[in-house]
Amino acid sequence: MPNHLQETEVGKPLPCLNAGSGNLFGLGGAVEQALLIPQAWVWGGAEPRARVIVSLVSLGRPVLYGGLSSLLGVALLSGSTSYIFRCFFVCLFLVLSVGLFHALLVIPVLLSLIGGNRPRH
């Protein structure tokens, strides 16, 4: 297993977490996944739990499919022999999987527990 710091051509160490474009792309995907559920939650029913159910029923499957397709596309980089491609894979895989976890589990639970009732007009 390679060390997380390897020597580059110039002799300087290249840390794996310095794949800035991978982090930026993955962060954009994670934020998009995580914001779709609260957006649907705003337009749900009157009670917080009913709103979470409506948001997960309407947007849970598309968020799951989008996250899994992104992870599947990134999984092809895992078999690469190039160090930078493996770093890119690690960064994207971690950011996308954490974003998917938060979008489908953490945010709906928090919204059902601390989300207020929808004001009636």
PDB file of N, CA and C in Angstrom:
ATOM      1  N   MET A   1       0.851  -1.178   0.000  1.00  0.00           N
ATOM      2  CA  MET A   1       0.000   0.000   0.000  1.00  0.00           C
ATOM      3  C   MET A   1       0.895   1.240   0.000  1.00  0.00           C
ATOM      4  N   PRO A   2       0.623   2.163  -0.917  1.00  0.00           N
ATOM      5  CA  PRO A   2       1.495   3.340  -0.989  1.00  0.00           C
ATOM      6  C   PRO A   2       1.260   4.288   0.180  1.00  0.00           C
ATOM      7  N   ASN A   3       2.299   5.028   0.472  1.00  0.00           N
ATOM      8  CA  ASN A   3       2.225   6.049   1.497  1.00  0.00           C
ATOM      9  C   ASN A   3       1.375   7.206   0.980  1.00  0.00           C
ATOM     10  N   HIS A   4       0.701   7.954   1.873  1.00  0.00           N
ATOM     11  CA  HIS A   4      -0.126   9.058   1.412  1.00  0.00           C
ATOM     12  C   HIS A   4       0.708  10.230   0.922  1.00  0.00           C
ATOM     13  N   LEU A   5       1.989  10.229   1.181  1.00  0.00           N
ATOM     14  CA  LEU A   5       2.894  11.232   0.636  1.00  0.00           C
ATOM     15  C   LEU A   5       3.909  10.524  -0.258  1.00  0.00           C
ATOM     16  N   GLN A   6       3.924  10.861  -1.508  1.00  0.00           N
ATOM     17  CA  GLN A   6       4.895  10.280  -2.423  1.00  0.00           C
ATOM     18  C   GLN A   6       5.670  11.399  -3.083  1.00  0.00           C
ATOM     19  N   GLU A   7       6.875  11.063  -3.514  1.00  0.00           N
ATOM     20  CA  GLU A   7       7.726  12.054  -4.154  1.00  0.00           C
ATOM     21  C   GLU A   7       7.268  12.299  -5.580  1.00  0.00           C
ATOM     22  N   THR A   8       7.203  13.553  -5.976  1.00  0.00           N
ATOM     23  CA  THR A   8       6.869  13.906  -7.351  1.00  0.00           C
ATOM     24  C   THR A   8       8.171  14.028  -8.142  1.00  0.00           C
ATOM     25  N   GLU A   9       8.014  14.454  -9.397  1.00  0.00           N
ATOM     26  CA  GLU A   9       9.207  14.578 -10.252  1.00  0.00           C
ATOM     27  C   GLU A   9      10.174  15.620  -9.720  1.00  0.00           C
ATOM     28  N   VAL A  10       9.673  16.653  -9.052  1.00  0.00           N
ATOM     29  CA  VAL A  10      10.547  17.697  -8.562  1.00  0.00           C
ATOM     30  C   VAL A  10      11.116  17.372  -7.194  1.00  0.00           C
ATOM     31  N   GLY A  11      10.655  16.306  -6.577  1.00  0.00           N
ATOM     32  CA  GLY A  11      11.183  15.921  -5.288  1.00  0.00           C
ATOM     33  C   GLY A  11      10.384  16.442  -4.107  1.00  0.00           C
ATOM     34  N   LYS A  12       9.287  17.131  -4.366  1.00  0.00           N
ATOM     35  CA  LYS A  12       8.442  17.622  -3.283  1.00  0.00           C
ATOM     36  C   LYS A  12       7.311  16.625  -3.041  1.00  0.00           C
ATOM     37  N   PRO A  13       6.894  16.479  -1.798  1.00  0.00           N
ATOM     38  CA  PRO A  13       5.804  15.541  -1.528  1.00  0.00           C
ATOM     39  C   PRO A  13       4.475  16.044  -2.079  1.00  0.00           C
ATOM     40  N   LEU A  14       3.675  15.131  -2.565  1.00  0.00           N
ATOM     41  CA  LEU A  14       2.358  15.451  -3.093  1.00  0.00           C
ATOM     42  C   LEU A  14       1.315  14.797  -2.190  1.00  0.00           C
ATOM     43  N   PRO A  15       0.734  15.548  -1.261  1.00  0.00           N
ATOM     44  CA  PRO A  15      -0.274  14.938  -0.389  1.00  0.00           C
ATOM     45  C   PRO A  15      -1.538  14.605  -1.163  1.00  0.00           C
ATOM     46  N   CYS A  16      -2.149  13.520  -0.774  1.00  0.00           N
ATOM     47  CA  CYS A  16      -3.330  13.032  -1.475  1.00  0.00           C
ATOM     48  C   CYS A  16      -4.499  13.999  -1.371  1.00  0.00           C
ATOM     49  N   LEU A  17      -4.619  14.726  -0.309  1.00  0.00           N
ATOM     50  CA  LEU A  17      -5.768  15.605  -0.137  1.00  0.00           C
ATOM     51  C   LEU A  17      -5.603  16.944  -0.839  1.00  0.00           C
ATOM     52  N   ASN A  18      -4.542  17.105  -1.627  1.00  0.00           N
ATOM     53  CA  ASN A  18      -4.352  18.337  -2.369  1.00  0.00           C
ATOM     54  C   ASN A  18      -4.960  18.280  -3.760  1.00  0.00           C
ATOM     55  N   ALA A  19      -5.782  17.306  -4.036  1.00  0.00           N
ATOM     56  CA  ALA A  19      -6.450  17.243  -5.328  1.00  0.00           C
ATOM     57  C   ALA A  19      -7.619  18.217  -5.290  1.00  0.00           C
ATOM     58  N   GLY A  20      -7.314  19.484  -5.457  1.00  0.00           N
ATOM     59  CA  GLY A  20      -8.292  20.555  -5.274  1.00  0.00           C
ATOM     60  C   GLY A  20      -9.481  20.458  -6.194  1.00  0.00           C
ATOM     61  N   SER A  21      -9.266  20.108  -7.452  1.00  0.00           N
ATOM     62  CA  SER A  21     -10.399  20.031  -8.364  1.00  0.00           C
ATOM     63  C   SER A  21     -11.323  18.882  -7.986  1.00  0.00           C
ATOM     64  N   GLY A  22     -10.777  17.801  -7.454  1.00  0.00           N
ATOM     65  CA  GLY A  22     -11.615  16.685  -6.997  1.00  0.00           C
ATOM     66  C   GLY A  22     -12.469  17.072  -5.819  1.00  0.00           C
ATOM     67  N   ASN A  23     -11.865  17.798  -4.883  1.00  0.00           N
ATOM     68  CA  ASN A  23     -12.632  18.275  -3.737  1.00  0.00           C
ATOM     69  C   ASN A  23     -13.711  19.262  -4.160  1.00  0.00           C
ATOM     70  N   LEU A  24     -13.391  20.142  -5.096  1.00  0.00           N
ATOM     71  CA  LEU A  24     -14.353  21.139  -5.543  1.00  0.00           C
ATOM     72  C   LEU A  24     -15.526  20.485  -6.259  1.00  0.00           C
ATOM     73  N   PHE A  25     -15.243  19.544  -7.154  1.00  0.00           N
ATOM     74  CA  PHE A  25     -16.308  18.846  -7.871  1.00  0.00           C
ATOM     75  C   PHE A  25     -17.157  18.023  -6.911  1.00  0.00           C
ATOM     76  N   GLY A  26     -16.515  17.306  -6.030  1.00  0.00           N
ATOM     77  CA  GLY A  26     -17.245  16.479  -5.075  1.00  0.00           C
ATOM     78  C   GLY A  26     -18.060  17.305  -4.108  1.00  0.00           C
ATOM     79  N   LEU A  27     -17.521  18.433  -3.689  1.00  0.00           N
ATOM     80  CA  LEU A  27     -18.248  19.307  -2.776  1.00  0.00           C
ATOM     81  C   LEU A  27     -19.484  19.883  -3.441  1.00  0.00           C
ATOM     82  N   GLY A  28     -19.374  20.225  -4.705  1.00  0.00           N
ATOM     83  CA  GLY A  28     -20.544  20.714  -5.434  1.00  0.00           C
ATOM     84  C   GLY A  28     -21.628  19.654  -5.526  1.00  0.00           C
ATOM     85  N   GLY A  29     -21.248  18.421  -5.792  1.00  0.00           N
ATOM     86  CA  GLY A  29     -22.224  17.336  -5.841  1.00  0.00           C
ATOM     87  C   GLY A  29     -22.840  17.059  -4.494  1.00  0.00           C
ATOM     88  N   ALA A  30     -22.040  17.111  -3.445  1.00  0.00           N
ATOM     89  CA  ALA A  30     -22.553  16.854  -2.100  1.00  0.00           C
ATOM     90  C   ALA A  30     -23.508  17.951  -1.650  1.00  0.00           C
ATOM     91  N   VAL A  31     -23.196  19.199  -1.963  1.00  0.00           N
ATOM     92  CA  VAL A  31     -24.071  20.306  -1.588  1.00  0.00           C
ATOM     93  C   VAL A  31     -25.382  20.217  -2.366  1.00  0.00           C
ATOM     94  N   GLU A  32     -25.295  19.870  -3.634  1.00  0.00           N
ATOM     95  CA  GLU A  32     -26.513  19.742  -4.433  1.00  0.00           C
ATOM     96  C   GLU A  32     -27.407  18.634  -3.880  1.00  0.00           C
ATOM     97  N   GLN A  33     -26.818  17.495  -3.544  1.00  0.00           N
ATOM     98  CA  GLN A  33     -27.589  16.396  -2.964  1.00  0.00           C
ATOM     99  C   GLN A  33     -28.222  16.811  -1.647  1.00  0.00           C
ATOM    100  N   ALA A  34     -27.455  17.484  -0.825  1.00  0.00           N
ATOM    101  CA  ALA A  34     -27.931  17.822   0.510  1.00  0.00           C
ATOM    102  C   ALA A  34     -28.985  18.924   0.491  1.00  0.00           C
ATOM    103  N   LEU A  35     -29.034  19.750  -0.534  1.00  0.00           N
ATOM    104  CA  LEU A  35     -30.007  20.843  -0.566  1.00  0.00           C
ATOM    105  C   LEU A  35     -31.321  20.481  -1.237  1.00  0.00           C
ATOM    106  N   LEU A  36     -31.381  19.372  -1.959  1.00  0.00           N
ATOM    107  CA  LEU A  36     -32.627  19.004  -2.613  1.00  0.00           C
ATOM    108  C   LEU A  36     -33.692  18.561  -1.612  1.00  0.00           C
ATOM    109  N   ILE A  37     -33.297  17.822  -0.585  1.00  0.00           N
ATOM    110  CA  ILE A  37     -34.259  17.332   0.402  1.00  0.00           C
ATOM    111  C   ILE A  37     -34.866  18.487   1.214  1.00  0.00           C
ATOM    112  N   PRO A  38     -34.069  19.424   1.759  1.00  0.00           N
ATOM    113  CA  PRO A  38     -34.703  20.555   2.463  1.00  0.00           C
ATOM    114  C   PRO A  38     -35.564  21.421   1.551  1.00  0.00           C
ATOM    115  N   GLN A  39     -35.209  21.517   0.276  1.00  0.00           N
ATOM    116  CA  GLN A  39     -36.027  22.289  -0.644  1.00  0.00           C
ATOM    117  C   GLN A  39     -37.404  21.641  -0.792  1.00  0.00           C
ATOM    118  N   ALA A  40     -37.462  20.323  -0.909  1.00  0.00           N
ATOM    119  CA  ALA A  40     -38.749  19.633  -0.982  1.00  0.00           C
ATOM    120  C   ALA A  40     -39.458  19.681   0.370  1.00  0.00           C
ATOM    121  N   TRP A  41     -38.703  19.735   1.459  1.00  0.00           N
ATOM    122  CA  TRP A  41     -39.281  19.787   2.800  1.00  0.00           C
ATOM    123  C   TRP A  41     -40.059  21.081   3.011  1.00  0.00           C
ATOM    124  N   VAL A  42     -39.593  22.159   2.429  1.00  0.00           N
ATOM    125  CA  VAL A  42     -40.258  23.451   2.579  1.00  0.00           C
ATOM    126  C   VAL A  42     -41.677  23.393   2.006  1.00  0.00           C
ATOM    127  N   TRP A  43     -41.873  22.637   0.934  1.00  0.00           N
ATOM    128  CA  TRP A  43     -43.171  22.585   0.268  1.00  0.00           C
ATOM    129  C   TRP A  43     -44.019  21.410   0.711  1.00  0.00           C
ATOM    130  N   GLY A  44     -43.637  20.697   1.764  1.00  0.00           N
ATOM    131  CA  GLY A  44     -44.371  19.527   2.234  1.00  0.00           C
ATOM    132  C   GLY A  44     -45.616  19.890   3.016  1.00  0.00           C
ATOM    133  N   GLY A  45     -46.073  18.966   3.865  1.00  0.00           N
ATOM    134  CA  GLY A  45     -47.297  19.141   4.647  1.00  0.00           C
ATOM    135  C   GLY A  45     -47.127  20.113   5.795  1.00  0.00           C
ATOM    136  N   ALA A  46     -48.027  19.992   6.779  1.00  0.00           N
ATOM    137  CA  ALA A  46     -48.025  20.931   7.901  1.00  0.00           C
ATOM    138  C   ALA A  46     -47.075  20.511   9.015  1.00  0.00           C
ATOM    139  N   GLU A  47     -46.995  19.224   9.318  1.00  0.00           N
ATOM    140  CA  GLU A  47     -46.139  18.735  10.397  1.00  0.00           C
ATOM    141  C   GLU A  47     -44.751  18.410   9.868  1.00  0.00           C
ATOM    142  N   PRO A  48     -43.723  18.542  10.717  1.00  0.00           N
ATOM    143  CA  PRO A  48     -42.357  18.270  10.254  1.00  0.00           C
ATOM    144  C   PRO A  48     -42.152  16.843   9.754  1.00  0.00           C
ATOM    145  N   ARG A  49     -42.710  15.853  10.448  1.00  0.00           N
ATOM    146  CA  ARG A  49     -42.511  14.461   9.998  1.00  0.00           C
ATOM    147  C   ARG A  49     -43.201  14.193   8.670  1.00  0.00           C
ATOM    148  N   ALA A  50     -44.379  14.744   8.491  1.00  0.00           N
ATOM    149  CA  ALA A  50     -45.076  14.573   7.215  1.00  0.00           C
ATOM    150  C   ALA A  50     -44.313  15.263   6.084  1.00  0.00           C
ATOM    151  N   ARG A  51     -43.712  16.387   6.385  1.00  0.00           N
ATOM    152  CA  ARG A  51     -42.930  17.106   5.375  1.00  0.00           C
ATOM    153  C   ARG A  51     -41.693  16.313   4.981  1.00  0.00           C
ATOM    154  N   VAL A  52     -41.062  15.658   5.963  1.00  0.00           N
ATOM    155  CA  VAL A  52     -39.890  14.843   5.647  1.00  0.00           C
ATOM    156  C   VAL A  52     -40.283  13.650   4.785  1.00  0.00           C
ATOM    157  N   ILE A  53     -41.403  13.029   5.105  1.00  0.00           N
ATOM    158  CA  ILE A  53     -41.859  11.886   4.307  1.00  0.00           C
ATOM    159  C   ILE A  53     -42.144  12.316   2.875  1.00  0.00           C
ATOM    160  N   VAL A  54     -42.810  13.450   2.722  1.00  0.00           N
ATOM    161  CA  VAL A  54     -43.107  13.954   1.378  1.00  0.00           C
ATOM    162  C   VAL A  54     -41.821  14.251   0.616  1.00  0.00           C
ATOM    163  N   SER A  55     -40.860  14.859   1.284  1.00  0.00           N
ATOM    164  CA  SER A  55     -39.610  15.201   0.600  1.00  0.00           C
ATOM    165  C   SER A  55     -38.811  13.965   0.228  1.00  0.00           C
ATOM    166  N   LEU A  56     -38.796  12.947   1.101  1.00  0.00           N
ATOM    167  CA  LEU A  56     -38.052  11.728   0.769  1.00  0.00           C
ATOM    168  C   LEU A  56     -38.754  10.908  -0.306  1.00  0.00           C
ATOM    169  N   VAL A  57     -40.075  10.906  -0.296  1.00  0.00           N
ATOM    170  CA  VAL A  57     -40.800  10.172  -1.335  1.00  0.00           C
ATOM    171  C   VAL A  57     -40.620  10.845  -2.693  1.00  0.00           C
ATOM    172  N   SER A  58     -40.663  12.168  -2.708  1.00  0.00           N
ATOM    173  CA  SER A  58     -40.573  12.862  -3.990  1.00  0.00           C
ATOM    174  C   SER A  58     -39.145  12.978  -4.520  1.00  0.00           C
ATOM    175  N   LEU A  59     -38.164  13.186  -3.644  1.00  0.00           N
ATOM    176  CA  LEU A  59     -36.800  13.420  -4.127  1.00  0.00           C
ATOM    177  C   LEU A  59     -35.768  12.432  -3.591  1.00  0.00           C
ATOM    178  N   GLY A  60     -36.160  11.488  -2.752  1.00  0.00           N
ATOM    179  CA  GLY A  60     -35.187  10.550  -2.199  1.00  0.00           C
ATOM    180  C   GLY A  60     -34.561   9.653  -3.247  1.00  0.00           C
ATOM    181  N   ARG A  61     -35.398   9.103  -4.121  1.00  0.00           N
ATOM    182  CA  ARG A  61     -34.871   8.198  -5.146  1.00  0.00           C
ATOM    183  C   ARG A  61     -33.987   8.914  -6.168  1.00  0.00           C
ATOM    184  N   PRO A  62     -34.381  10.089  -6.690  1.00  0.00           N
ATOM    185  CA  PRO A  62     -33.470  10.786  -7.606  1.00  0.00           C
ATOM    186  C   PRO A  62     -32.137  11.168  -6.966  1.00  0.00           C
ATOM    187  N   VAL A  63     -32.156  11.569  -5.687  1.00  0.00           N
ATOM    188  CA  VAL A  63     -30.900  11.897  -5.001  1.00  0.00           C
ATOM    189  C   VAL A  63     -30.044  10.644  -4.857  1.00  0.00           C
ATOM    190  N   LEU A  64     -30.664   9.536  -4.490  1.00  0.00           N
ATOM    191  CA  LEU A  64     -29.923   8.273  -4.357  1.00  0.00           C
ATOM    192  C   LEU A  64     -29.334   7.840  -5.687  1.00  0.00           C
ATOM    193  N   TYR A  65     -30.126   7.881  -6.752  1.00  0.00           N
ATOM    194  CA  TYR A  65     -29.628   7.479  -8.075  1.00  0.00           C
ATOM    195  C   TYR A  65     -28.513   8.406  -8.564  1.00  0.00           C
ATOM    196  N   GLY A  66     -28.657   9.700  -8.331  1.00  0.00           N
ATOM    197  CA  GLY A  66     -27.613  10.636  -8.741  1.00  0.00           C
ATOM    198  C   GLY A  66     -26.319  10.413  -7.986  1.00  0.00           C
ATOM    199  N   GLY A  67     -26.418  10.173  -6.671  1.00  0.00           N
ATOM    200  CA  GLY A  67     -25.216   9.908  -5.880  1.00  0.00           C
ATOM    201  C   GLY A  67     -24.551   8.596  -6.264  1.00  0.00           C
ATOM    202  N   LEU A  68     -25.361   7.551  -6.471  1.00  0.00           N
ATOM    203  CA  LEU A  68     -24.784   6.253  -6.844  1.00  0.00           C
ATOM    204  C   LEU A  68     -24.177   6.277  -8.241  1.00  0.00           C
ATOM    205  N   SER A  69     -24.801   7.011  -9.169  1.00  0.00           N
ATOM    206  CA  SER A  69     -24.213   7.087 -10.509  1.00  0.00           C
ATOM    207  C   SER A  69     -22.897   7.867 -10.486  1.00  0.00           C
ATOM    208  N   SER A  70     -22.826   8.903  -9.656  1.00  0.00           N
ATOM    209  CA  SER A  70     -21.558   9.630  -9.525  1.00  0.00           C
ATOM    210  C   SER A  70     -20.487   8.743  -8.902  1.00  0.00           C
ATOM    211  N   LEU A  71     -20.856   7.989  -7.867  1.00  0.00           N
ATOM    212  CA  LEU A  71     -19.893   7.077  -7.241  1.00  0.00           C
ATOM    213  C   LEU A  71     -19.470   5.974  -8.196  1.00  0.00           C
ATOM    214  N   LEU A  72     -20.394   5.490  -9.019  1.00  0.00           N
ATOM    215  CA  LEU A  72     -20.052   4.455  -9.995  1.00  0.00           C
ATOM    216  C   LEU A  72     -19.089   4.985 -11.045  1.00  0.00           C
ATOM    217  N   GLY A  73     -19.313   6.223 -11.489  1.00  0.00           N
ATOM    218  CA  GLY A  73     -18.398   6.826 -12.452  1.00  0.00           C
ATOM    219  C   GLY A  73     -17.014   7.067 -11.876  1.00  0.00           C
ATOM    220  N   VAL A  74     -16.954   7.434 -10.617  1.00  0.00           N
ATOM    221  CA  VAL A  74     -15.670   7.681  -9.959  1.00  0.00           C
ATOM    222  C   VAL A  74     -14.967   6.368  -9.635  1.00  0.00           C
ATOM    223  N   ALA A  75     -15.733   5.291  -9.472  1.00  0.00           N
ATOM    224  CA  ALA A  75     -15.141   3.996  -9.102  1.00  0.00           C
ATOM    225  C   ALA A  75     -14.163   3.489 -10.155  1.00  0.00           C
ATOM    226  N   LEU A  76     -14.315   3.931 -11.392  1.00  0.00           N
ATOM    227  CA  LEU A  76     -13.382   3.511 -12.441  1.00  0.00           C
ATOM    228  C   LEU A  76     -11.967   4.013 -12.179  1.00  0.00           C
ATOM    229  N   LEU A  77     -11.842   5.109 -11.439  1.00  0.00           N
ATOM    230  CA  LEU A  77     -10.515   5.643 -11.128  1.00  0.00           C
ATOM    231  C   LEU A  77      -9.781   4.819 -10.078  1.00  0.00           C
ATOM    232  N   SER A  78     -10.502   3.971  -9.350  1.00  0.00           N
ATOM    233  CA  SER A  78      -9.868   3.232  -8.257  1.00  0.00           C
ATOM    234  C   SER A  78      -8.855   2.211  -8.758  1.00  0.00           C
ATOM    235  N   GLY A  79      -9.016   1.729  -9.970  1.00  0.00           N
ATOM    236  CA  GLY A  79      -8.091   0.736 -10.500  1.00  0.00           C
ATOM    237  C   GLY A  79      -6.891   1.322 -11.209  1.00  0.00           C
ATOM    238  N   SER A  80      -6.767   2.623 -11.201  1.00  0.00           N
ATOM    239  CA  SER A  80      -5.673   3.274 -11.906  1.00  0.00           C
ATOM    240  C   SER A  80      -4.344   3.050 -11.183  1.00  0.00           C
ATOM    241  N   THR A  81      -3.283   3.029 -11.947  1.00  0.00           N
ATOM    242  CA  THR A  81      -1.954   2.904 -11.350  1.00  0.00           C
ATOM    243  C   THR A  81      -1.319   4.270 -11.088  1.00  0.00           C
ATOM    244  N   SER A  82      -1.935   5.328 -11.613  1.00  0.00           N
ATOM    245  CA  SER A  82      -1.415   6.671 -11.405  1.00  0.00           C
ATOM    246  C   SER A  82      -1.803   7.168 -10.013  1.00  0.00           C
ATOM    247  N   TYR A  83      -0.859   7.765  -9.347  1.00  0.00           N
ATOM    248  CA  TYR A  83      -1.083   8.241  -7.986  1.00  0.00           C
ATOM    249  C   TYR A  83      -2.118   9.354  -7.934  1.00  0.00           C
ATOM    250  N   ILE A  84      -2.079  10.294  -8.870  1.00  0.00           N
ATOM    251  CA  ILE A  84      -2.998  11.418  -8.843  1.00  0.00           C
ATOM    252  C   ILE A  84      -4.418  10.959  -9.113  1.00  0.00           C
ATOM    253  N   PHE A  85      -4.617   9.948  -9.964  1.00  0.00           N
ATOM    254  CA  PHE A  85      -5.960   9.420 -10.197  1.00  0.00           C
ATOM    255  C   PHE A  85      -6.502   8.721  -8.956  1.00  0.00           C
ATOM    256  N   ARG A  86      -5.634   8.029  -8.228  1.00  0.00           N
ATOM    257  CA  ARG A  86      -6.084   7.400  -6.976  1.00  0.00           C
ATOM    258  C   ARG A  86      -6.445   8.456  -5.943  1.00  0.00           C
ATOM    259  N   CYS A  87      -5.668   9.539  -5.885  1.00  0.00           N
ATOM    260  CA  CYS A  87      -6.007  10.642  -4.972  1.00  0.00           C
ATOM    261  C   CYS A  87      -7.332  11.278  -5.362  1.00  0.00           C
ATOM    262  N   PHE A  88      -7.528  11.469  -6.646  1.00  0.00           N
ATOM    263  CA  PHE A  88      -8.777  12.029  -7.145  1.00  0.00           C
ATOM    264  C   PHE A  88      -9.942  11.120  -6.773  1.00  0.00           C
ATOM    265  N   PHE A  89      -9.755   9.806  -6.903  1.00  0.00           N
ATOM    266  CA  PHE A  89     -10.788   8.845  -6.535  1.00  0.00           C
ATOM    267  C   PHE A  89     -11.110   8.920  -5.047  1.00  0.00           C
ATOM    268  N   VAL A  90     -10.081   8.950  -4.206  1.00  0.00           N
ATOM    269  CA  VAL A  90     -10.303   8.985  -2.758  1.00  0.00           C
ATOM    270  C   VAL A  90     -11.068  10.246  -2.362  1.00  0.00           C
ATOM    271  N   CYS A  91     -10.648  11.383  -2.882  1.00  0.00           N
ATOM    272  CA  CYS A  91     -11.315  12.644  -2.538  1.00  0.00           C
ATOM    273  C   CYS A  91     -12.771  12.640  -2.985  1.00  0.00           C
ATOM    274  N   LEU A  92     -13.010  12.270  -4.235  1.00  0.00           N
ATOM    275  CA  LEU A  92     -14.374  12.283  -4.738  1.00  0.00           C
ATOM    276  C   LEU A  92     -15.243  11.249  -4.033  1.00  0.00           C
ATOM    277  N   PHE A  93     -14.703  10.065  -3.804  1.00  0.00           N
ATOM    278  CA  PHE A  93     -15.480   9.020  -3.158  1.00  0.00           C
ATOM    279  C   PHE A  93     -15.892   9.431  -1.749  1.00  0.00           C
ATOM    280  N   LEU A  94     -14.962   9.983  -0.994  1.00  0.00           N
ATOM    281  CA  LEU A  94     -15.282  10.388   0.370  1.00  0.00           C
ATOM    282  C   LEU A  94     -16.287  11.534   0.413  1.00  0.00           C
ATOM    283  N   VAL A  95     -16.075  12.547  -0.400  1.00  0.00           N
ATOM    284  CA  VAL A  95     -16.971  13.703  -0.364  1.00  0.00           C
ATOM    285  C   VAL A  95     -18.366  13.325  -0.853  1.00  0.00           C
ATOM    286  N   LEU A  96     -18.455  12.542  -1.934  1.00  0.00           N
ATOM    287  CA  LEU A  96     -19.765  12.154  -2.452  1.00  0.00           C
ATOM    288  C   LEU A  96     -20.500  11.207  -1.514  1.00  0.00           C
ATOM    289  N   SER A  97     -19.796  10.268  -0.911  1.00  0.00           N
ATOM    290  CA  SER A  97     -20.472   9.334  -0.006  1.00  0.00           C
ATOM    291  C   SER A  97     -20.921  10.028   1.282  1.00  0.00           C
ATOM    292  N   VAL A  98     -20.125  10.942   1.802  1.00  0.00           N
ATOM    293  CA  VAL A  98     -20.547  11.690   2.993  1.00  0.00           C
ATOM    294  C   VAL A  98     -21.724  12.603   2.649  1.00  0.00           C
ATOM    295  N   GLY A  99     -21.700  13.224   1.488  1.00  0.00           N
ATOM    296  CA  GLY A  99     -22.818  14.065   1.057  1.00  0.00           C
ATOM    297  C   GLY A  99     -24.097  13.271   0.874  1.00  0.00           C
ATOM    298  N   LEU A 100     -23.992  12.073   0.313  1.00  0.00           N
ATOM    299  CA  LEU A 100     -25.164  11.217   0.128  1.00  0.00           C
ATOM    300  C   LEU A 100     -25.716  10.751   1.467  1.00  0.00           C
ATOM    301  N   PHE A 101     -24.827  10.428   2.390  1.00  0.00           N
ATOM    302  CA  PHE A 101     -25.245  10.022   3.737  1.00  0.00           C
ATOM    303  C   PHE A 101     -26.001  11.150   4.428  1.00  0.00           C
ATOM    304  N   HIS A 102     -25.478  12.359   4.327  1.00  0.00           N
ATOM    305  CA  HIS A 102     -26.140  13.498   4.961  1.00  0.00           C
ATOM    306  C   HIS A 102     -27.465  13.825   4.273  1.00  0.00           C
ATOM    307  N   ALA A 103     -27.500  13.721   2.947  1.00  0.00           N
ATOM    308  CA  ALA A 103     -28.722  14.073   2.219  1.00  0.00           C
ATOM    309  C   ALA A 103     -29.865  13.113   2.523  1.00  0.00           C
ATOM    310  N   LEU A 104     -29.562  11.823   2.692  1.00  0.00           N
ATOM    311  CA  LEU A 104     -30.636  10.842   2.856  1.00  0.00           C
ATOM    312  C   LEU A 104     -30.902  10.446   4.295  1.00  0.00           C
ATOM    313  N   LEU A 105     -29.976  10.692   5.201  1.00  0.00           N
ATOM    314  CA  LEU A 105     -30.193  10.266   6.585  1.00  0.00           C
ATOM    315  C   LEU A 105     -30.138  11.418   7.591  1.00  0.00           C
ATOM    316  N   VAL A 106     -29.069  12.152   7.617  1.00  0.00           N
ATOM    317  CA  VAL A 106     -28.860  13.147   8.668  1.00  0.00           C
ATOM    318  C   VAL A 106     -29.825  14.321   8.535  1.00  0.00           C
ATOM    319  N   ILE A 107     -29.909  14.919   7.357  1.00  0.00           N
ATOM    320  CA  ILE A 107     -30.754  16.098   7.181  1.00  0.00           C
ATOM    321  C   ILE A 107     -32.236  15.779   7.390  1.00  0.00           C
ATOM    322  N   PRO A 108     -32.776  14.670   6.828  1.00  0.00           N
ATOM    323  CA  PRO A 108     -34.188  14.376   7.116  1.00  0.00           C
ATOM    324  C   PRO A 108     -34.476  14.135   8.597  1.00  0.00           C
ATOM    325  N   VAL A 109     -33.571  13.468   9.298  1.00  0.00           N
ATOM    326  CA  VAL A 109     -33.786  13.240  10.732  1.00  0.00           C
ATOM    327  C   VAL A 109     -33.766  14.559  11.487  1.00  0.00           C
ATOM    328  N   LEU A 110     -32.807  15.413  11.186  1.00  0.00           N
ATOM    329  CA  LEU A 110     -32.752  16.722  11.858  1.00  0.00           C
ATOM    330  C   LEU A 110     -33.970  17.581  11.542  1.00  0.00           C
ATOM    331  N   LEU A 111     -34.430  17.534  10.296  1.00  0.00           N
ATOM    332  CA  LEU A 111     -35.607  18.315   9.940  1.00  0.00           C
ATOM    333  C   LEU A 111     -36.860  17.800  10.632  1.00  0.00           C
ATOM    334  N   SER A 112     -36.956  16.484  10.816  1.00  0.00           N
ATOM    335  CA  SER A 112     -38.137  15.958  11.498  1.00  0.00           C
ATOM    336  C   SER A 112     -38.095  16.240  12.992  1.00  0.00           C
ATOM    337  N   LEU A 113     -36.910  16.365  13.565  1.00  0.00           N
ATOM    338  CA  LEU A 113     -36.805  16.619  15.001  1.00  0.00           C
ATOM    339  C   LEU A 113     -36.890  18.094  15.367  1.00  0.00           C
ATOM    340  N   ILE A 114     -36.193  18.944  14.637  1.00  0.00           N
ATOM    341  CA  ILE A 114     -36.126  20.353  15.026  1.00  0.00           C
ATOM    342  C   ILE A 114     -36.821  21.285  14.054  1.00  0.00           C
ATOM    343  N   GLY A 115     -37.368  20.763  12.953  1.00  0.00           N
ATOM    344  CA  GLY A 115     -38.065  21.615  12.005  1.00  0.00           C
ATOM    345  C   GLY A 115     -39.405  22.063  12.559  1.00  0.00           C
ATOM    346  N   GLY A 116     -39.721  23.294  12.388  1.00  0.00           N
ATOM    347  CA  GLY A 116     -40.973  23.835  12.904  1.00  0.00           C
ATOM    348  C   GLY A 116     -42.152  23.503  12.002  1.00  0.00           C
ATOM    349  N   ASN A 117     -43.338  23.773  12.504  1.00  0.00           N
ATOM    350  CA  ASN A 117     -44.539  23.584  11.707  1.00  0.00           C
ATOM    351  C   ASN A 117     -44.626  24.675  10.652  1.00  0.00           C
ATOM    352  N   ARG A 118     -45.283  24.350   9.573  1.00  0.00           N
ATOM    353  CA  ARG A 118     -45.439  25.308   8.487  1.00  0.00           C
ATOM    354  C   ARG A 118     -46.500  26.333   8.881  1.00  0.00           C
ATOM    355  N   PRO A 119     -46.203  27.615   8.750  1.00  0.00           N
ATOM    356  CA  PRO A 119     -47.211  28.613   9.123  1.00  0.00           C
ATOM    357  C   PRO A 119     -48.405  28.552   8.188  1.00  0.00           C
ATOM    358  N   ARG A 120     -49.561  28.757   8.761  1.00  0.00           N
ATOM    359  CA  ARG A 120     -50.795  28.734   7.958  1.00  0.00           C
ATOM    360  C   ARG A 120     -51.153  30.149   7.564  1.00  0.00           C
ATOM    361  N   HIS A 121     -51.483  30.314   6.309  1.00  0.00           N
ATOM    362  CA  HIS A 121     -51.832  31.660   5.794  1.00  0.00           C
ATOM    363  C   HIS A 121     -53.320  31.769   5.637  1.00  0.00           C
TER     364      HIS A 121
END
